[in-house]
Amino acid sequence: MESKNPGRFTFGKQLSLAPKHCNEEAELQNEGDVVDQSARWMYSVFEGDVDGICEVLESGVSVNFKDIDYRTALHVAVCEGFTKVVEFLLQKDAEVDAKD
């Protein structure tokens, strides 16, 4: 899903937990390593993947988890224009005034 704000900066290029190369995540999975749930959380948010977000929440990740740059999922979802993700996170009691 693309950002609704194409003229603005995109978090995908700045996401600190994103693999540097497309193949990196596949390599991790092929080697049998477990992909960190917090990284999966932010990937799901950046993709606008509500089902993925729900799965990660069920695994125990906090709805208010902050990445290495102190951004929350709600912060990323709002900036990317992912309305359904924002609504879902708010229903799950995401903190609305978190500071990055």
PDB file of N, CA and C in Angstrom:
ATOM      1  N   MET A   1       0.840  -1.167   0.000  1.00  0.00           N
ATOM      2  CA  MET A   1       0.000   0.000   0.000  1.00  0.00           C
ATOM      3  C   MET A   1       0.888   1.233   0.000  1.00  0.00           C
ATOM      4  N   GLU A   2       0.634   2.159  -0.877  1.00  0.00           N
ATOM      5  CA  GLU A   2       1.463   3.353  -0.985  1.00  0.00           C
ATOM      6  C   GLU A   2       0.970   4.433  -0.040  1.00  0.00           C
ATOM      7  N   SER A   3       1.856   5.326   0.314  1.00  0.00           N
ATOM      8  CA  SER A   3       1.511   6.460   1.144  1.00  0.00           C
ATOM      9  C   SER A   3       0.540   7.350   0.404  1.00  0.00           C
ATOM     10  N   LYS A   4      -0.393   7.930   1.154  1.00  0.00           N
ATOM     11  CA  LYS A   4      -1.330   8.871   0.552  1.00  0.00           C
ATOM     12  C   LYS A   4      -0.690  10.246   0.389  1.00  0.00           C
ATOM     13  N   ASN A   5       0.506  10.421   0.918  1.00  0.00           N
ATOM     14  CA  ASN A   5       1.203  11.698   0.873  1.00  0.00           C
ATOM     15  C   ASN A   5       2.500  11.562   0.091  1.00  0.00           C
ATOM     16  N   PRO A   6       2.433  11.332  -1.238  1.00  0.00           N
ATOM     17  CA  PRO A   6       3.653  11.072  -2.003  1.00  0.00           C
ATOM     18  C   PRO A   6       4.624  12.242  -2.038  1.00  0.00           C
ATOM     19  N   GLY A   7       4.170  13.461  -1.796  1.00  0.00           N
ATOM     20  CA  GLY A   7       5.052  14.616  -1.828  1.00  0.00           C
ATOM     21  C   GLY A   7       5.860  14.791  -0.560  1.00  0.00           C
ATOM     22  N   ARG A   8       5.486  14.087   0.493  1.00  0.00           N
ATOM     23  CA  ARG A   8       6.180  14.198   1.768  1.00  0.00           C
ATOM     24  C   ARG A   8       7.226  13.111   1.895  1.00  0.00           C
ATOM     25  N   PHE A   9       8.033  13.212   2.939  1.00  0.00           N
ATOM     26  CA  PHE A   9       9.036  12.190   3.187  1.00  0.00           C
ATOM     27  C   PHE A   9       8.330  10.869   3.458  1.00  0.00           C
ATOM     28  N   THR A  10       9.013   9.777   3.193  1.00  0.00           N
ATOM     29  CA  THR A  10       8.431   8.470   3.492  1.00  0.00           C
ATOM     30  C   THR A  10       9.267   7.788   4.550  1.00  0.00           C
ATOM     31  N   PHE A  11       8.604   7.109   5.447  1.00  0.00           N
ATOM     32  CA  PHE A  11       9.294   6.424   6.522  1.00  0.00           C
ATOM     33  C   PHE A  11      10.018   5.189   6.035  1.00  0.00           C
ATOM     34  N   GLY A  12       9.592   4.613   4.919  1.00  0.00           N
ATOM     35  CA  GLY A  12      10.228   3.396   4.419  1.00  0.00           C
ATOM     36  C   GLY A  12      11.699   3.587   4.170  1.00  0.00           C
ATOM     37  N   LYS A  13      12.066   4.755   3.689  1.00  0.00           N
ATOM     38  CA  LYS A  13      13.473   5.022   3.426  1.00  0.00           C
ATOM     39  C   LYS A  13      14.222   5.329   4.708  1.00  0.00           C
ATOM     40  N   GLN A  14      13.481   5.643   5.776  1.00  0.00           N
ATOM     41  CA  GLN A  14      14.115   6.028   7.021  1.00  0.00           C
ATOM     42  C   GLN A  14      13.902   5.014   8.137  1.00  0.00           C
ATOM     43  N   LEU A  15      13.133   3.973   7.888  1.00  0.00           N
ATOM     44  CA  LEU A  15      12.812   3.015   8.928  1.00  0.00           C
ATOM     45  C   LEU A  15      14.080   2.315   9.403  1.00  0.00           C
ATOM     46  N   SER A  16      14.474   2.575  10.624  1.00  0.00           N
ATOM     47  CA  SER A  16      15.747   2.078  11.148  1.00  0.00           C
ATOM     48  C   SER A  16      15.819   0.565  11.214  1.00  0.00           C
ATOM     49  N   LEU A  17      14.686  -0.094  11.340  1.00  0.00           N
ATOM     50  CA  LEU A  17      14.686  -1.538  11.465  1.00  0.00           C
ATOM     51  C   LEU A  17      14.541  -2.240  10.126  1.00  0.00           C
ATOM     52  N   ALA A  18      14.396  -1.494   9.045  1.00  0.00           N
ATOM     53  CA  ALA A  18      14.208  -2.103   7.723  1.00  0.00           C
ATOM     54  C   ALA A  18      15.510  -2.703   7.230  1.00  0.00           C
ATOM     55  N   PRO A  19      15.425  -3.855   6.546  1.00  0.00           N
ATOM     56  CA  PRO A  19      16.651  -4.437   5.978  1.00  0.00           C
ATOM     57  C   PRO A  19      17.248  -3.510   4.936  1.00  0.00           C
ATOM     58  N   LYS A  20      18.563  -3.489   4.825  1.00  0.00           N
ATOM     59  CA  LYS A  20      19.224  -2.629   3.847  1.00  0.00           C
ATOM     60  C   LYS A  20      19.071  -3.177   2.436  1.00  0.00           C
ATOM     61  N   HIS A  21      18.886  -4.477   2.308  1.00  0.00           N
ATOM     62  CA  HIS A  21      18.733  -5.111   1.004  1.00  0.00           C
ATOM     63  C   HIS A  21      17.466  -5.949   1.010  1.00  0.00           C
ATOM     64  N   CYS A  22      16.795  -6.026  -0.110  1.00  0.00           N
ATOM     65  CA  CYS A  22      15.551  -6.783  -0.229  1.00  0.00           C
ATOM     66  C   CYS A  22      15.714  -8.224   0.234  1.00  0.00           C
ATOM     67  N   ASN A  23      16.846  -8.822  -0.046  1.00  0.00           N
ATOM     68  CA  ASN A  23      17.049 -10.238   0.232  1.00  0.00           C
ATOM     69  C   ASN A  23      17.365 -10.519   1.695  1.00  0.00           C
ATOM     70  N   GLU A  24      17.689  -9.495   2.471  1.00  0.00           N
ATOM     71  CA  GLU A  24      18.137  -9.715   3.839  1.00  0.00           C
ATOM     72  C   GLU A  24      17.106 -10.449   4.676  1.00  0.00           C
ATOM     73  N   GLU A  25      15.835 -10.018   4.591  1.00  0.00           N
ATOM     74  CA  GLU A  25      14.808 -10.677   5.394  1.00  0.00           C
ATOM     75  C   GLU A  25      14.644 -12.123   4.944  1.00  0.00           C
ATOM     76  N   ALA A  26      14.649 -12.366   3.649  1.00  0.00           N
ATOM     77  CA  ALA A  26      14.525 -13.731   3.137  1.00  0.00           C
ATOM     78  C   ALA A  26      15.701 -14.582   3.604  1.00  0.00           C
ATOM     79  N   GLU A  27      16.901 -14.009   3.604  1.00  0.00           N
ATOM     80  CA  GLU A  27      18.079 -14.744   4.063  1.00  0.00           C
ATOM     81  C   GLU A  27      17.943 -15.124   5.530  1.00  0.00           C
ATOM     82  N   LEU A  28      17.430 -14.198   6.335  1.00  0.00           N
ATOM     83  CA  LEU A  28      17.238 -14.489   7.751  1.00  0.00           C
ATOM     84  C   LEU A  28      16.281 -15.660   7.928  1.00  0.00           C
ATOM     85  N   GLN A  29      15.184 -15.638   7.180  1.00  0.00           N
ATOM     86  CA  GLN A  29      14.202 -16.704   7.304  1.00  0.00           C
ATOM     87  C   GLN A  29      14.768 -18.019   6.782  1.00  0.00           C
ATOM     88  N   ASN A  30      15.530 -17.976   5.698  1.00  0.00           N
ATOM     89  CA  ASN A  30      16.115 -19.197   5.145  1.00  0.00           C
ATOM     90  C   ASN A  30      17.113 -19.822   6.104  1.00  0.00           C
ATOM     91  N   GLU A  31      17.789 -19.014   6.876  1.00  0.00           N
ATOM     92  CA  GLU A  31      18.767 -19.528   7.830  1.00  0.00           C
ATOM     93  C   GLU A  31      18.103 -20.019   9.108  1.00  0.00           C
ATOM     94  N   GLY A  32      16.797 -19.859   9.198  1.00  0.00           N
ATOM     95  CA  GLY A  32      16.069 -20.344  10.361  1.00  0.00           C
ATOM     96  C   GLY A  32      16.063 -19.374  11.521  1.00  0.00           C
ATOM     97  N   ASP A  33      16.600 -18.180  11.335  1.00  0.00           N
ATOM     98  CA  ASP A  33      16.588 -17.187  12.410  1.00  0.00           C
ATOM     99  C   ASP A  33      15.175 -16.643  12.589  1.00  0.00           C
ATOM    100  N   VAL A  34      14.860 -16.289  13.789  1.00  0.00           N
ATOM    101  CA  VAL A  34      13.554 -15.707  14.081  1.00  0.00           C
ATOM    102  C   VAL A  34      13.633 -14.207  13.833  1.00  0.00           C
ATOM    103  N   VAL A  35      12.706 -13.698  13.032  1.00  0.00           N
ATOM    104  CA  VAL A  35      12.659 -12.263  12.787  1.00  0.00           C
ATOM    105  C   VAL A  35      12.092 -11.613  14.036  1.00  0.00           C
ATOM    106  N   ASP A  36      12.776 -10.629  14.551  1.00  0.00           N
ATOM    107  CA  ASP A  36      12.372  -9.928  15.760  1.00  0.00           C
ATOM    108  C   ASP A  36      10.950  -9.393  15.614  1.00  0.00           C
ATOM    109  N   GLN A  37      10.110  -9.662  16.609  1.00  0.00           N
ATOM    110  CA  GLN A  37       8.709  -9.241  16.536  1.00  0.00           C
ATOM    111  C   GLN A  37       8.556  -7.724  16.487  1.00  0.00           C
ATOM    112  N   SER A  38       9.449  -7.003  17.142  1.00  0.00           N
ATOM    113  CA  SER A  38       9.339  -5.546  17.094  1.00  0.00           C
ATOM    114  C   SER A  38       9.624  -5.027  15.690  1.00  0.00           C
ATOM    115  N   ALA A  39      10.549  -5.652  14.987  1.00  0.00           N
ATOM    116  CA  ALA A  39      10.817  -5.266  13.600  1.00  0.00           C
ATOM    117  C   ALA A  39       9.628  -5.642  12.726  1.00  0.00           C
ATOM    118  N   ARG A  40       9.072  -6.822  12.945  1.00  0.00           N
ATOM    119  CA  ARG A  40       7.896  -7.244  12.183  1.00  0.00           C
ATOM    120  C   ARG A  40       6.742  -6.277  12.422  1.00  0.00           C
ATOM    121  N   TRP A  41       6.626  -5.814  13.654  1.00  0.00           N
ATOM    122  CA  TRP A  41       5.588  -4.844  14.027  1.00  0.00           C
ATOM    123  C   TRP A  41       5.703  -3.595  13.158  1.00  0.00           C
ATOM    124  N   MET A  42       6.887  -3.020  13.093  1.00  0.00           N
ATOM    125  CA  MET A  42       7.066  -1.793  12.322  1.00  0.00           C
ATOM    126  C   MET A  42       6.933  -2.047  10.822  1.00  0.00           C
ATOM    127  N   TYR A  43       7.386  -3.196  10.331  1.00  0.00           N
ATOM    128  CA  TYR A  43       7.193  -3.524   8.911  1.00  0.00           C
ATOM    129  C   TYR A  43       5.704  -3.571   8.593  1.00  0.00           C
ATOM    130  N   SER A  44       4.934  -4.229   9.460  1.00  0.00           N
ATOM    131  CA  SER A  44       3.493  -4.353   9.236  1.00  0.00           C
ATOM    132  C   SER A  44       2.824  -2.990   9.221  1.00  0.00           C
ATOM    133  N   VAL A  45       3.238  -2.130  10.136  1.00  0.00           N
ATOM    134  CA  VAL A  45       2.669  -0.777  10.177  1.00  0.00           C
ATOM    135  C   VAL A  45       3.021  -0.026   8.906  1.00  0.00           C
ATOM    136  N   PHE A  46       4.285  -0.073   8.508  1.00  0.00           N
ATOM    137  CA  PHE A  46       4.701   0.646   7.305  1.00  0.00           C
ATOM    138  C   PHE A  46       3.977   0.137   6.059  1.00  0.00           C
ATOM    139  N   GLU A  47       3.632  -1.137   6.034  1.00  0.00           N
ATOM    140  CA  GLU A  47       2.920  -1.717   4.895  1.00  0.00           C
ATOM    141  C   GLU A  47       1.415  -1.459   4.975  1.00  0.00           C
ATOM    142  N   GLY A  48       0.931  -0.961   6.102  1.00  0.00           N
ATOM    143  CA  GLY A  48      -0.507  -0.759   6.269  1.00  0.00           C
ATOM    144  C   GLY A  48      -1.246  -2.072   6.454  1.00  0.00           C
ATOM    145  N   ASP A  49      -0.567  -3.075   6.991  1.00  0.00           N
ATOM    146  CA  ASP A  49      -1.077  -4.437   7.113  1.00  0.00           C
ATOM    147  C   ASP A  49      -1.745  -4.653   8.473  1.00  0.00           C
ATOM    148  N   VAL A  50      -3.051  -4.393   8.544  1.00  0.00           N
ATOM    149  CA  VAL A  50      -3.777  -4.506   9.808  1.00  0.00           C
ATOM    150  C   VAL A  50      -3.738  -5.939  10.336  1.00  0.00           C
ATOM    151  N   ASP A  51      -3.867  -6.930   9.458  1.00  0.00           N
ATOM    152  CA  ASP A  51      -3.818  -8.330   9.902  1.00  0.00           C
ATOM    153  C   ASP A  51      -2.457  -8.661  10.518  1.00  0.00           C
ATOM    154  N   GLY A  52      -1.386  -8.196   9.891  1.00  0.00           N
ATOM    155  CA  GLY A  52      -0.045  -8.418  10.424  1.00  0.00           C
ATOM    156  C   GLY A  52       0.143  -7.731  11.766  1.00  0.00           C
ATOM    157  N   ILE A  53      -0.387  -6.528  11.883  1.00  0.00           N
ATOM    158  CA  ILE A  53      -0.299  -5.773  13.138  1.00  0.00           C
ATOM    159  C   ILE A  53      -1.018  -6.532  14.246  1.00  0.00           C
ATOM    160  N   CYS A  54      -2.204  -7.035  13.929  1.00  0.00           N
ATOM    161  CA  CYS A  54      -2.994  -7.792  14.902  1.00  0.00           C
ATOM    162  C   CYS A  54      -2.232  -9.034  15.370  1.00  0.00           C
ATOM    163  N   GLU A  55      -1.613  -9.751  14.444  1.00  0.00           N
ATOM    164  CA  GLU A  55      -0.837 -10.949  14.792  1.00  0.00           C
ATOM    165  C   GLU A  55       0.315 -10.615  15.733  1.00  0.00           C
ATOM    166  N   VAL A  56       1.016  -9.531  15.443  1.00  0.00           N
ATOM    167  CA  VAL A  56       2.160  -9.163  16.283  1.00  0.00           C
ATOM    168  C   VAL A  56       1.683  -8.716  17.663  1.00  0.00           C
ATOM    169  N   LEU A  57       0.580  -7.979  17.715  1.00  0.00           N
ATOM    170  CA  LEU A  57       0.022  -7.584  19.012  1.00  0.00           C
ATOM    171  C   LEU A  57      -0.310  -8.817  19.848  1.00  0.00           C
ATOM    172  N   GLU A  58      -0.880  -9.830  19.200  1.00  0.00           N
ATOM    173  CA  GLU A  58      -1.231 -11.063  19.909  1.00  0.00           C
ATOM    174  C   GLU A  58       0.006 -11.784  20.441  1.00  0.00           C
ATOM    175  N   SER A  59       1.167 -11.527  19.841  1.00  0.00           N
ATOM    176  CA  SER A  59       2.408 -12.165  20.302  1.00  0.00           C
ATOM    177  C   SER A  59       2.984 -11.468  21.533  1.00  0.00           C
ATOM    178  N   GLY A  60       2.405 -10.316  21.899  1.00  0.00           N
ATOM    179  CA  GLY A  60       2.840  -9.643  23.114  1.00  0.00           C
ATOM    180  C   GLY A  60       3.542  -8.311  22.931  1.00  0.00           C
ATOM    181  N   VAL A  61       3.728  -7.857  21.702  1.00  0.00           N
ATOM    182  CA  VAL A  61       4.359  -6.555  21.467  1.00  0.00           C
ATOM    183  C   VAL A  61       3.394  -5.461  21.919  1.00  0.00           C
ATOM    184  N   SER A  62       3.902  -4.455  22.591  1.00  0.00           N
ATOM    185  CA  SER A  62       3.085  -3.341  23.065  1.00  0.00           C
ATOM    186  C   SER A  62       2.618  -2.479  21.904  1.00  0.00           C
ATOM    187  N   VAL A  63       1.364  -2.046  21.962  1.00  0.00           N
ATOM    188  CA  VAL A  63       0.831  -1.148  20.939  1.00  0.00           C
ATOM    189  C   VAL A  63       1.603   0.171  20.927  1.00  0.00           C
ATOM    190  N   ASN A  64       2.280   0.483  22.025  1.00  0.00           N
ATOM    191  CA  ASN A  64       3.049   1.724  22.134  1.00  0.00           C
ATOM    192  C   ASN A  64       4.555   1.511  21.963  1.00  0.00           C
ATOM    193  N   PHE A  65       4.943   0.367  21.389  1.00  0.00           N
ATOM    194  CA  PHE A  65       6.356   0.101  21.125  1.00  0.00           C
ATOM    195  C   PHE A  65       6.949   1.249  20.311  1.00  0.00           C
ATOM    196  N   LYS A  66       8.173   1.664  20.674  1.00  0.00           N
ATOM    197  CA  LYS A  66       8.884   2.709  19.924  1.00  0.00           C
ATOM    198  C   LYS A  66      10.100   2.088  19.259  1.00  0.00           C
ATOM    199  N   ASP A  67      10.331   2.480  18.001  1.00  0.00           N
ATOM    200  CA  ASP A  67      11.505   1.967  17.295  1.00  0.00           C
ATOM    201  C   ASP A  67      12.750   2.690  17.793  1.00  0.00           C
ATOM    202  N   ILE A  68      13.871   2.408  17.185  1.00  0.00           N
ATOM    203  CA  ILE A  68      15.148   2.982  17.616  1.00  0.00           C
ATOM    204  C   ILE A  68      15.154   4.512  17.536  1.00  0.00           C
ATOM    205  N   ASP A  69      14.286   5.066  16.701  1.00  0.00           N
ATOM    206  CA  ASP A  69      14.163   6.519  16.561  1.00  0.00           C
ATOM    207  C   ASP A  69      13.008   7.073  17.386  1.00  0.00           C
ATOM    208  N   TYR A  70      12.461   6.258  18.294  1.00  0.00           N
ATOM    209  CA  TYR A  70      11.377   6.627  19.206  1.00  0.00           C
ATOM    210  C   TYR A  70      10.057   6.916  18.497  1.00  0.00           C
ATOM    211  N   ARG A  71       9.865   6.343  17.315  1.00  0.00           N
ATOM    212  CA  ARG A  71       8.585   6.496  16.613  1.00  0.00           C
ATOM    213  C   ARG A  71       7.680   5.334  16.995  1.00  0.00           C
ATOM    214  N   THR A  72       6.420   5.653  17.227  1.00  0.00           N
ATOM    215  CA  THR A  72       5.441   4.605  17.500  1.00  0.00           C
ATOM    216  C   THR A  72       4.753   4.207  16.201  1.00  0.00           C
ATOM    217  N   ALA A  73       4.048   3.096  16.266  1.00  0.00           N
ATOM    218  CA  ALA A  73       3.280   2.641  15.108  1.00  0.00           C
ATOM    219  C   ALA A  73       2.239   3.686  14.722  1.00  0.00           C
ATOM    220  N   LEU A  74       1.613   4.305  15.710  1.00  0.00           N
ATOM    221  CA  LEU A  74       0.606   5.327  15.422  1.00  0.00           C
ATOM    222  C   LEU A  74       1.239   6.499  14.684  1.00  0.00           C
ATOM    223  N   HIS A  75       2.404   6.913  15.101  1.00  0.00           N
ATOM    224  CA  HIS A  75       3.133   8.001  14.451  1.00  0.00           C
ATOM    225  C   HIS A  75       3.356   7.681  12.971  1.00  0.00           C
ATOM    226  N   VAL A  76       3.871   6.493  12.701  1.00  0.00           N
ATOM    227  CA  VAL A  76       4.152   6.086  11.323  1.00  0.00           C
ATOM    228  C   VAL A  76       2.862   5.999  10.516  1.00  0.00           C
ATOM    229  N   ALA A  77       1.833   5.376  11.086  1.00  0.00           N
ATOM    230  CA  ALA A  77       0.564   5.203  10.369  1.00  0.00           C
ATOM    231  C   ALA A  77      -0.069   6.544  10.011  1.00  0.00           C
ATOM    232  N   VAL A  78      -0.026   7.497  10.934  1.00  0.00           N
ATOM    233  CA  VAL A  78      -0.581   8.829  10.657  1.00  0.00           C
ATOM    234  C   VAL A  78       0.205   9.502   9.538  1.00  0.00           C
ATOM    235  N   CYS A  79       1.526   9.489   9.639  1.00  0.00           N
ATOM    236  CA  CYS A  79       2.358  10.140   8.619  1.00  0.00           C
ATOM    237  C   CYS A  79       2.194   9.503   7.244  1.00  0.00           C
ATOM    238  N   GLU A  80       1.945   8.203   7.200  1.00  0.00           N
ATOM    239  CA  GLU A  80       1.777   7.507   5.925  1.00  0.00           C
ATOM    240  C   GLU A  80       0.340   7.573   5.408  1.00  0.00           C
ATOM    241  N   GLY A  81      -0.587   8.072   6.216  1.00  0.00           N
ATOM    242  CA  GLY A  81      -1.975   8.195   5.780  1.00  0.00           C
ATOM    243  C   GLY A  81      -2.751   6.889   5.794  1.00  0.00           C
ATOM    244  N   PHE A  82      -2.346   5.944   6.647  1.00  0.00           N
ATOM    245  CA  PHE A  82      -3.020   4.646   6.732  1.00  0.00           C
ATOM    246  C   PHE A  82      -4.175   4.730   7.733  1.00  0.00           C
ATOM    247  N   THR A  83      -5.314   5.228   7.276  1.00  0.00           N
ATOM    248  CA  THR A  83      -6.471   5.474   8.134  1.00  0.00           C
ATOM    249  C   THR A  83      -6.928   4.223   8.875  1.00  0.00           C
ATOM    250  N   LYS A  84      -7.006   3.096   8.189  1.00  0.00           N
ATOM    251  CA  LYS A  84      -7.470   1.861   8.841  1.00  0.00           C
ATOM    252  C   LYS A  84      -6.515   1.427   9.946  1.00  0.00           C
ATOM    253  N   VAL A  85      -5.227   1.607   9.719  1.00  0.00           N
ATOM    254  CA  VAL A  85      -4.235   1.261  10.739  1.00  0.00           C
ATOM    255  C   VAL A  85      -4.376   2.204  11.928  1.00  0.00           C
ATOM    256  N   VAL A  86      -4.539   3.493  11.658  1.00  0.00           N
ATOM    257  CA  VAL A  86      -4.712   4.480  12.734  1.00  0.00           C
ATOM    258  C   VAL A  86      -5.931   4.116  13.574  1.00  0.00           C
ATOM    259  N   GLU A  87      -7.054   3.844  12.920  1.00  0.00           N
ATOM    260  CA  GLU A  87      -8.276   3.486  13.647  1.00  0.00           C
ATOM    261  C   GLU A  87      -8.067   2.231  14.496  1.00  0.00           C
ATOM    262  N   PHE A  88      -7.408   1.229  13.921  1.00  0.00           N
ATOM    263  CA  PHE A  88      -7.146  -0.012  14.647  1.00  0.00           C
ATOM    264  C   PHE A  88      -6.273   0.257  15.874  1.00  0.00           C
ATOM    265  N   LEU A  89      -5.200   1.015  15.700  1.00  0.00           N
ATOM    266  CA  LEU A  89      -4.291   1.304  16.814  1.00  0.00           C
ATOM    267  C   LEU A  89      -4.994   2.093  17.915  1.00  0.00           C
ATOM    268  N   LEU A  90      -5.851   3.023  17.531  1.00  0.00           N
ATOM    269  CA  LEU A  90      -6.602   3.788  18.530  1.00  0.00           C
ATOM    270  C   LEU A  90      -7.567   2.889  19.297  1.00  0.00           C
ATOM    271  N   GLN A  91      -8.183   1.931  18.609  1.00  0.00           N
ATOM    272  CA  GLN A  91      -9.065   0.967  19.283  1.00  0.00           C
ATOM    273  C   GLN A  91      -8.286   0.119  20.282  1.00  0.00           C
ATOM    274  N   LYS A  92      -7.005  -0.071  20.025  1.00  0.00           N
ATOM    275  CA  LYS A  92      -6.141  -0.863  20.907  1.00  0.00           C
ATOM    276  C   LYS A  92      -5.456   0.011  21.958  1.00  0.00           C
ATOM    277  N   ASP A  93      -5.941   1.248  22.116  1.00  0.00           N
ATOM    278  CA  ASP A  93      -5.449   2.192  23.133  1.00  0.00           C
ATOM    279  C   ASP A  93      -4.023   2.674  22.913  1.00  0.00           C
ATOM    280  N   ALA A  94      -3.662   2.895  21.659  1.00  0.00           N
ATOM    281  CA  ALA A  94      -2.350   3.481  21.367  1.00  0.00           C
ATOM    282  C   ALA A  94      -2.286   4.882  21.966  1.00  0.00           C
ATOM    283  N   GLU A  95      -1.144   5.214  22.520  1.00  0.00           N
ATOM    284  CA  GLU A  95      -0.922   6.533  23.112  1.00  0.00           C
ATOM    285  C   GLU A  95      -0.914   7.584  21.999  1.00  0.00           C
ATOM    286  N   VAL A  96      -1.781   8.601  22.131  1.00  0.00           N
ATOM    287  CA  VAL A  96      -1.913   9.586  21.055  1.00  0.00           C
ATOM    288  C   VAL A  96      -0.921  10.739  21.156  1.00  0.00           C
ATOM    289  N   ASP A  97      -0.272  10.901  22.285  1.00  0.00           N
ATOM    290  CA  ASP A  97       0.641  12.042  22.426  1.00  0.00           C
ATOM    291  C   ASP A  97       2.075  11.612  22.739  1.00  0.00           C
ATOM    292  N   ALA A  98       2.470  10.464  22.211  1.00  0.00           N
ATOM    293  CA  ALA A  98       3.843   9.983  22.420  1.00  0.00           C
ATOM    294  C   ALA A  98       4.829  10.912  21.724  1.00  0.00           C
ATOM    295  N   LYS A  99       5.970  11.121  22.331  1.00  0.00           N
ATOM    296  CA  LYS A  99       7.009  11.994  21.764  1.00  0.00           C
ATOM    297  C   LYS A  99       8.069  11.142  21.088  1.00  0.00           C
ATOM    298  N   ASP A 100       8.539  11.601  19.901  1.00  0.00           N
ATOM    299  CA  ASP A 100       9.629  10.878  19.240  1.00  0.00           C
ATOM    300  C   ASP A 100      10.916  11.641  19.399  1.00  0.00           C
TER     301      ASP A 100
END
